[in-house]
C-alpha atoms as a PDB file:
ATOM      1  CA  MET A   1     137.205 -93.710  21.900  1.00  0.00           C
ATOM      2  CA  LYS A   2     136.134 -94.906  18.442  1.00  0.00           C
ATOM      3  CA  TRP A   3     132.684 -94.055  17.113  1.00  0.00           C
ATOM      4  CA  SER A   4     131.737 -97.726  16.666  1.00  0.00           C
ATOM      5  CA  GLU A   5     132.269 -98.309  20.398  1.00  0.00           C
ATOM      6  CA  ILE A   6     130.339 -95.181  21.371  1.00  0.00           C
ATOM      7  CA  ASP A   7     127.497 -95.944  18.970  1.00  0.00           C
ATOM      8  CA  GLY A   8     127.194 -99.485  20.287  1.00  0.00           C
ATOM      9  CA  LYS A   9     126.934 -98.283  23.886  1.00  0.00           C
ATOM     10  CA  LEU A  10     124.362 -95.633  22.972  1.00  0.00           C
ATOM     11  CA  SER A  11     122.313 -98.164  21.041  1.00  0.00           C
ATOM     12  CA  ARG A  12     122.304-100.652  23.914  1.00  0.00           C
ATOM     13  CA  SER A  13     121.305 -97.932  26.370  1.00  0.00           C
ATOM     14  CA  GLY A  14     118.062 -97.307  24.480  1.00  0.00           C
ATOM     15  CA  LEU A  15     118.571 -93.540  24.692  1.00  0.00           C
ATOM     16  CA  ARG A  16     117.416 -91.715  21.577  1.00  0.00           C
ATOM     17  CA  LEU A  17     118.109 -88.355  23.197  1.00  0.00           C
ATOM     18  CA  PHE A  18     120.779 -87.756  25.774  1.00  0.00           C
ATOM     19  CA  THR A  19     122.458 -84.979  27.691  1.00  0.00           C
ATOM     20  CA  ASP A  20     126.199 -84.653  28.072  1.00  0.00           C
ATOM     21  CA  ARG A  21     125.827 -86.144  31.564  1.00  0.00           C
ATOM     22  CA  GLU A  22     123.918 -89.141  30.195  1.00  0.00           C
ATOM     23  CA  PHE A  23     126.573 -89.503  27.498  1.00  0.00           C
ATOM     24  CA  ARG A  24     129.252 -89.731  30.187  1.00  0.00           C
ATOM     25  CA  GLY A  25     127.219 -92.295  32.114  1.00  0.00           C
ATOM     26  CA  VAL A  26     126.758 -94.521  29.053  1.00  0.00           C
ATOM     27  CA  THR A  27     130.283 -94.270  27.673  1.00  0.00           C
ATOM     28  CA  GLY A  28     132.232 -93.981  30.912  1.00  0.00           C
ATOM     29  CA  ALA A  29     134.091 -90.951  29.537  1.00  0.00           C
ATOM     30  CA  THR A  30     135.463 -88.270  31.849  1.00  0.00           C
ATOM     31  CA  PRO A  31     133.873 -84.785  31.607  1.00  0.00           C
ATOM     32  CA  MET A  32     136.796 -83.444  29.570  1.00  0.00           C
ATOM     33  CA  SER A  33     136.917 -86.485  27.294  1.00  0.00           C
ATOM     34  CA  ALA A  34     133.138 -86.460  26.815  1.00  0.00           C
ATOM     35  CA  LYS A  35     133.215 -82.794  25.788  1.00  0.00           C
ATOM     36  CA  PHE A  36     135.918 -83.543  23.223  1.00  0.00           C
ATOM     37  CA  LEU A  37     134.064 -86.587  21.848  1.00  0.00           C
ATOM     38  CA  LEU A  38     130.745 -84.750  21.573  1.00  0.00           C
ATOM     39  CA  ILE A  39     132.375 -81.925  19.644  1.00  0.00           C
ATOM     40  CA  ARG A  40     134.333 -84.278  17.389  1.00  0.00           C
ATOM     41  CA  TYR A  41     131.439 -86.536  16.392  1.00  0.00           C
ATOM     42  CA  THR A  42     128.970 -83.678  16.047  1.00  0.00           C
ATOM     43  CA  ARG A  43     131.335 -82.002  13.597  1.00  0.00           C
ATOM     44  CA  ARG A  44     131.642 -85.283  11.702  1.00  0.00           C
ATOM     45  CA  GLY A  45     127.853 -85.543  11.451  1.00  0.00           C
ATOM     46  CA  LEU A  46     127.579 -88.721  13.517  1.00  0.00           C
ATOM     47  CA  LEU A  47     125.839 -86.888  16.357  1.00  0.00           C
ATOM     48  CA  ARG A  48     123.104 -84.264  16.110  1.00  0.00           C
ATOM     49  CA  ARG A  49     123.052 -81.389  18.583  1.00  0.00           C
ATOM     50  CA  PHE A  50     119.589 -79.902  19.130  1.00  0.00           C
ATOM     51  CA  LYS A  51     120.502 -77.347  21.743  1.00  0.00           C
ATOM     52  CA  ARG A  52     123.238 -76.929  24.303  1.00  0.00           C
ATOM     53  CA  GLY A  53     123.615 -80.232  26.120  1.00  0.00           C
ATOM     54  CA  LEU A  54     121.068 -82.287  24.118  1.00  0.00           C
ATOM     55  CA  TYR A  55     122.164 -84.780  21.468  1.00  0.00           C
ATOM     56  CA  ALA A  56     121.135 -87.821  19.442  1.00  0.00           C
ATOM     57  CA  ALA A  57     122.967 -90.267  17.220  1.00  0.00           C
ATOM     58  CA  ALA A  58     122.379 -89.240  13.599  1.00  0.00           C
ATOM     59  CA  GLY A  59     121.344 -92.795  12.758  1.00  0.00           C
ATOM     60  CA  ARG A  60     118.718 -93.000  15.539  1.00  0.00           C
ATOM     61  CA  LEU A  61     116.955 -89.667  15.574  1.00  0.00           C
ATOM     62  CA  PRO A  62     114.001 -89.174  17.935  1.00  0.00           C
ATOM     63  CA  SER A  63     110.477 -88.493  16.766  1.00  0.00           C
ATOM     64  CA  LYS A  64     109.488 -84.835  16.616  1.00  0.00           C
ATOM     65  CA  TRP A  65     107.104 -85.173  19.543  1.00  0.00           C
ATOM     66  CA  SER A  66     109.523 -86.982  21.836  1.00  0.00           C
ATOM     67  CA  LEU A  67     112.108 -84.332  20.953  1.00  0.00           C
ATOM     68  CA  ALA A  68     109.604 -81.636  21.946  1.00  0.00           C
ATOM     69  CA  ASN A  69     109.358 -83.141  25.434  1.00  0.00           C
ATOM     70  CA  ARG A  70     113.117 -82.782  25.920  1.00  0.00           C
ATOM     71  CA  LEU A  71     113.766 -79.500  24.108  1.00  0.00           C
ATOM     72  CA  TYR A  72     112.072 -77.459  26.804  1.00  0.00           C
ATOM     73  CA  GLN A  73     111.150 -78.882  30.183  1.00  0.00           C
ATOM     74  CA  PRO A  74     108.751 -79.191  31.847  1.00  0.00           C
ATOM     75  CA  SER A  75     106.361 -79.482  28.905  1.00  0.00           C
ATOM     76  CA  TYR A  76     103.870 -81.776  27.219  1.00  0.00           C
ATOM     77  CA  VAL A  77     102.500 -81.845  23.661  1.00  0.00           C
ATOM     78  CA  SER A  78      99.099 -80.148  23.513  1.00  0.00           C
ATOM     79  CA  LEU A  79      97.094 -77.500  21.605  1.00  0.00           C
ATOM     80  CA  GLU A  80      96.817 -77.984  17.834  1.00  0.00           C
ATOM     81  CA  SER A  81      99.220 -80.937  17.678  1.00  0.00           C
ATOM     82  CA  ALA A  82      97.211 -82.910  20.241  1.00  0.00           C
ATOM     83  CA  LEU A  83      93.873 -81.825  18.741  1.00  0.00           C
ATOM     84  CA  SER A  84      95.018 -83.155  15.367  1.00  0.00           C
ATOM     85  CA  TYR A  85      96.185 -86.403  17.007  1.00  0.00           C
ATOM     86  CA  TYR A  86      92.734 -86.931  18.549  1.00  0.00           C
ATOM     87  CA  GLY A  87      90.926 -85.975  15.338  1.00  0.00           C
ATOM     88  CA  LEU A  88      89.320 -82.868  16.853  1.00  0.00           C
ATOM     89  CA  ILE A  89      90.659 -80.778  13.984  1.00  0.00           C
ATOM     90  CA  PRO A  90      91.034 -82.241  10.482  1.00  0.00           C
ATOM     91  CA  GLU A  91      94.211 -80.416   9.529  1.00  0.00           C
ATOM     92  CA  THR A  92      97.697 -81.846   9.668  1.00  0.00           C
ATOM     93  CA  VAL A  93      99.749 -79.659  11.998  1.00  0.00           C
ATOM     94  CA  TYR A  94     103.328 -79.216  10.849  1.00  0.00           C
ATOM     95  CA  SER A  95     104.616 -77.340  13.865  1.00  0.00           C
ATOM     96  CA  VAL A  96     104.803 -79.144  17.205  1.00  0.00           C
ATOM     97  CA  THR A  97     102.806 -77.319  19.873  1.00  0.00           C
ATOM     98  CA  SER A  98     103.335 -77.809  23.597  1.00  0.00           C
ATOM     99  CA  VAL A  99     102.579 -76.080  26.887  1.00  0.00           C
ATOM    100  CA  THR A 100     105.041 -75.321  29.652  1.00  0.00           C
ATOM    101  CA  THR A 101     105.204 -73.583  33.014  1.00  0.00           C
ATOM    102  CA  LYS A 102     108.199 -71.597  31.783  1.00  0.00           C
ATOM    103  CA  SER A 103     108.198 -68.615  29.435  1.00  0.00           C
ATOM    104  CA  THR A 104     107.005 -68.942  25.838  1.00  0.00           C
ATOM    105  CA  ARG A 105     109.735 -70.202  23.486  1.00  0.00           C
ATOM    106  CA  GLU A 106     110.220 -71.338  19.904  1.00  0.00           C
ATOM    107  CA  PHE A 107     112.783 -73.746  18.458  1.00  0.00           C
ATOM    108  CA  ASP A 108     113.606 -75.095  15.014  1.00  0.00           C
ATOM    109  CA  ALA A 109     114.797 -78.712  14.769  1.00  0.00           C
ATOM    110  CA  LEU A 110     114.331 -81.806  12.597  1.00  0.00           C
ATOM    111  CA  GLY A 111     112.750 -79.652   9.905  1.00  0.00           C
ATOM    112  CA  ALA A 112     109.915 -78.493  12.168  1.00  0.00           C
ATOM    113  CA  ASP A 113     108.996 -75.518  14.308  1.00  0.00           C
ATOM    114  CA  TYR A 114     108.454 -76.133  18.020  1.00  0.00           C
ATOM    115  CA  LEU A 115     106.211 -73.724  19.902  1.00  0.00           C
ATOM    116  CA  PHE A 116     105.962 -73.795  23.697  1.00  0.00           C
ATOM    117  CA  ARG A 117     103.193 -71.665  25.251  1.00  0.00           C
ATOM    118  CA  ALA A 118     103.214 -70.738  28.932  1.00  0.00           C
ATOM    119  CA  ILE A 119     100.371 -71.691  31.288  1.00  0.00           C
ATOM    120  CA  LYS A 120      99.946 -71.359  35.051  1.00  0.00           C
ATOM    121  CA  ARG A 121     101.573 -74.047  37.157  1.00  0.00           C
ATOM    122  CA  LYS A 122      98.188 -75.019  38.681  1.00  0.00           C
ATOM    123  CA  ALA A 123      96.899 -75.786  35.165  1.00  0.00           C
ATOM    124  CA  PHE A 124      99.900 -77.946  34.287  1.00  0.00           C
ATOM    125  CA  PHE A 125      98.290 -81.395  34.518  1.00  0.00           C
ATOM    126  CA  GLY A 126      96.073 -83.661  32.430  1.00  0.00           C
ATOM    127  CA  TYR A 127      98.769 -85.360  30.366  1.00  0.00           C
ATOM    128  CA  ARG A 128     100.057 -88.928  30.123  1.00  0.00           C
ATOM    129  CA  SER A 129     102.807 -90.938  28.521  1.00  0.00           C
ATOM    130  CA  VAL A 130     101.729 -92.591  25.267  1.00  0.00           C
ATOM    131  CA  GLU A 131     103.700 -94.525  22.662  1.00  0.00           C
ATOM    132  CA  ILE A 132     103.834 -92.802  19.283  1.00  0.00           C
ATOM    133  CA  GLU A 133     106.083 -94.109  16.514  1.00  0.00           C
ATOM    134  CA  GLY A 134     107.550 -96.538  19.055  1.00  0.00           C
ATOM    135  CA  GLN A 135     108.677 -93.742  21.378  1.00  0.00           C
ATOM    136  CA  SER A 136     107.222 -92.420  24.637  1.00  0.00           C
ATOM    137  CA  VAL A 137     105.628 -88.988  24.427  1.00  0.00           C
ATOM    138  CA  LEU A 138     104.057 -86.838  27.148  1.00  0.00           C
ATOM    139  CA  LEU A 139     100.748 -85.906  25.529  1.00  0.00           C
ATOM    140  CA  ALA A 140      97.758 -83.946  26.819  1.00  0.00           C
ATOM    141  CA  GLU A 141      94.576 -85.930  27.347  1.00  0.00           C
ATOM    142  CA  LYS A 142      91.846 -85.048  24.876  1.00  0.00           C
ATOM    143  CA  GLU A 143      89.869 -82.686  27.103  1.00  0.00           C
ATOM    144  CA  LYS A 144      93.017 -81.024  28.483  1.00  0.00           C
ATOM    145  CA  ALA A 145      94.369 -80.380  24.979  1.00  0.00           C
ATOM    146  CA  LEU A 146      91.058 -78.722  24.107  1.00  0.00           C
ATOM    147  CA  ALA A 147      91.014 -76.687  27.329  1.00  0.00           C
ATOM    148  CA  ASP A 148      94.587 -75.507  26.707  1.00  0.00           C
ATOM    149  CA  TYR A 149      93.624 -74.510  23.160  1.00  0.00           C
ATOM    150  CA  LEU A 150      90.457 -72.652  24.217  1.00  0.00           C
ATOM    151  CA  TYR A 151      92.450 -70.776  26.849  1.00  0.00           C
ATOM    152  CA  PHE A 152      94.792 -69.325  24.217  1.00  0.00           C
ATOM    153  CA  VAL A 153      91.935 -68.645  21.786  1.00  0.00           C
ATOM    154  CA  PHE A 154      90.227 -66.712  24.596  1.00  0.00           C
ATOM    155  CA  LEU A 155      93.440 -64.725  25.135  1.00  0.00           C
ATOM    156  CA  LYS A 156      93.590 -64.124  21.343  1.00  0.00           C
ATOM    157  CA  LYS A 157      96.978 -65.834  21.218  1.00  0.00           C
ATOM    158  CA  ALA A 158      95.650 -68.629  18.978  1.00  0.00           C
ATOM    159  CA  HIS A 159      93.279 -68.515  16.032  1.00  0.00           C
ATOM    160  CA  PRO A 160      89.864 -70.184  16.438  1.00  0.00           C
ATOM    161  CA  ASN A 161      89.389 -73.153  14.123  1.00  0.00           C
ATOM    162  CA  ASP A 162      85.918 -73.200  12.579  1.00  0.00           C
ATOM    163  CA  ARG A 163      86.302 -76.916  11.833  1.00  0.00           C
ATOM    164  CA  LEU A 164      86.868 -77.870  15.461  1.00  0.00           C
ATOM    165  CA  ARG A 165      84.976 -81.078  16.283  1.00  0.00           C
ATOM    166  CA  LEU A 166      83.631 -81.730  19.769  1.00  0.00           C
ATOM    167  CA  GLU A 167      82.210 -85.215  19.223  1.00  0.00           C
ATOM    168  CA  GLY A 168      83.350 -87.632  21.913  1.00  0.00           C
ATOM    169  CA  VAL A 169      84.618 -84.878  24.230  1.00  0.00           C
ATOM    170  CA  SER A 170      83.501 -85.222  27.849  1.00  0.00           C
ATOM    171  CA  ARG A 171      81.805 -81.968  28.807  1.00  0.00           C
ATOM    172  CA  ARG A 172      82.390 -82.644  32.499  1.00  0.00           C
ATOM    173  CA  ASP A 173      86.127 -83.242  32.039  1.00  0.00           C
ATOM    174  CA  LEU A 174      86.505 -80.265  29.718  1.00  0.00           C
ATOM    175  CA  TRP A 175      84.799 -77.973  32.229  1.00  0.00           C
ATOM    176  CA  LYS A 176      87.031 -79.284  35.026  1.00  0.00           C
ATOM    177  CA  ASN A 177      90.118 -78.516  32.953  1.00  0.00           C
ATOM    178  CA  LEU A 178      88.883 -75.039  32.039  1.00  0.00           C
ATOM    179  CA  LYS A 179      88.249 -74.207  35.697  1.00  0.00           C
ATOM    180  CA  ALA A 180      91.901 -74.974  36.482  1.00  0.00           C
ATOM    181  CA  PHE A 181      92.918 -71.788  34.661  1.00  0.00           C
ATOM    182  CA  ASP A 182      91.129 -69.815  37.381  1.00  0.00           C
ATOM    183  CA  ASN A 183      89.814 -67.292  34.872  1.00  0.00           C
ATOM    184  CA  PRO A 184      86.106 -66.366  35.243  1.00  0.00           C
ATOM    185  CA  GLY A 185      86.164 -64.627  31.859  1.00  0.00           C
ATOM    186  CA  LEU A 186      87.299 -67.849  30.196  1.00  0.00           C
ATOM    187  CA  LEU A 187      84.429 -69.776  31.785  1.00  0.00           C
ATOM    188  CA  GLU A 188      81.816 -67.233  30.720  1.00  0.00           C
ATOM    189  CA  TRP A 189      83.218 -67.094  27.200  1.00  0.00           C
ATOM    190  CA  SER A 190      83.224 -70.915  27.017  1.00  0.00           C
ATOM    191  CA  LYS A 191      79.584 -71.085  28.149  1.00  0.00           C
ATOM    192  CA  HIS A 192      78.315 -68.531  25.669  1.00  0.00           C
ATOM    193  CA  ASP A 193      80.487 -69.273  22.646  1.00  0.00           C
ATOM    194  CA  PHE A 194      80.857 -73.031  22.962  1.00  0.00           C
ATOM    195  CA  LYS A 195      77.790 -73.864  25.066  1.00  0.00           C
ATOM    196  CA  ILE A 196      79.998 -75.695  27.590  1.00  0.00           C
ATOM    197  CA  THR A 197      78.428 -76.231  31.018  1.00  0.00           C
ATOM    198  CA  ASP A 198      79.132 -78.517  33.929  1.00  0.00           C
ATOM    199  CA  HIS A 199      76.970 -81.503  32.937  1.00  0.00           C
ATOM    200  CA  ARG A 200      77.749 -85.203  33.227  1.00  0.00           C
ATOM    201  CA  THR A 201      76.984 -85.800  29.561  1.00  0.00           C
ATOM    202  CA  LYS A 202      78.961 -85.781  26.373  1.00  0.00           C
ATOM    203  CA  LEU A 203      78.690 -83.096  23.725  1.00  0.00           C
END
């Protein structure tokens, strides 16, 4: 199958990222033929392979954040990346930070580092699909991103940012998200160091 035919089908499908199974579904190729085509066009630079079984057309690369969602699943963008997005920290974050229910992992793709930190399954909530750069991204809500971040600062697995801004953060929602980690030490630390209590007011 010629590249022009494959590229046209991929473009019409709307898939920026696709697995080998999705590639077969779009192109109609058999498993053996699909494997051959993926190898051939990756070697020719027309496809980009990000990890085993995850590809994109070189001319329609995904955004870094949408790639993060697919590199390691289940996951959503959170921590410093989300805090920067919401303006809670002033710095531009060059790595893409996410949380997952699986073990901690790091990847390197599209010229960026991708860090996935592990949290408990019961704390894996508080995210939504938003459109960023025209692509759908699973992103933590503001208070959940902050709760995730404070959890890892408390564990000394993330550095505290002395320019962290709490304006516009719902104290009630933040406290609810912190409680989901089921860690009394985290709650006490949050009360004393960040003056966070269960009030229906904003900081």
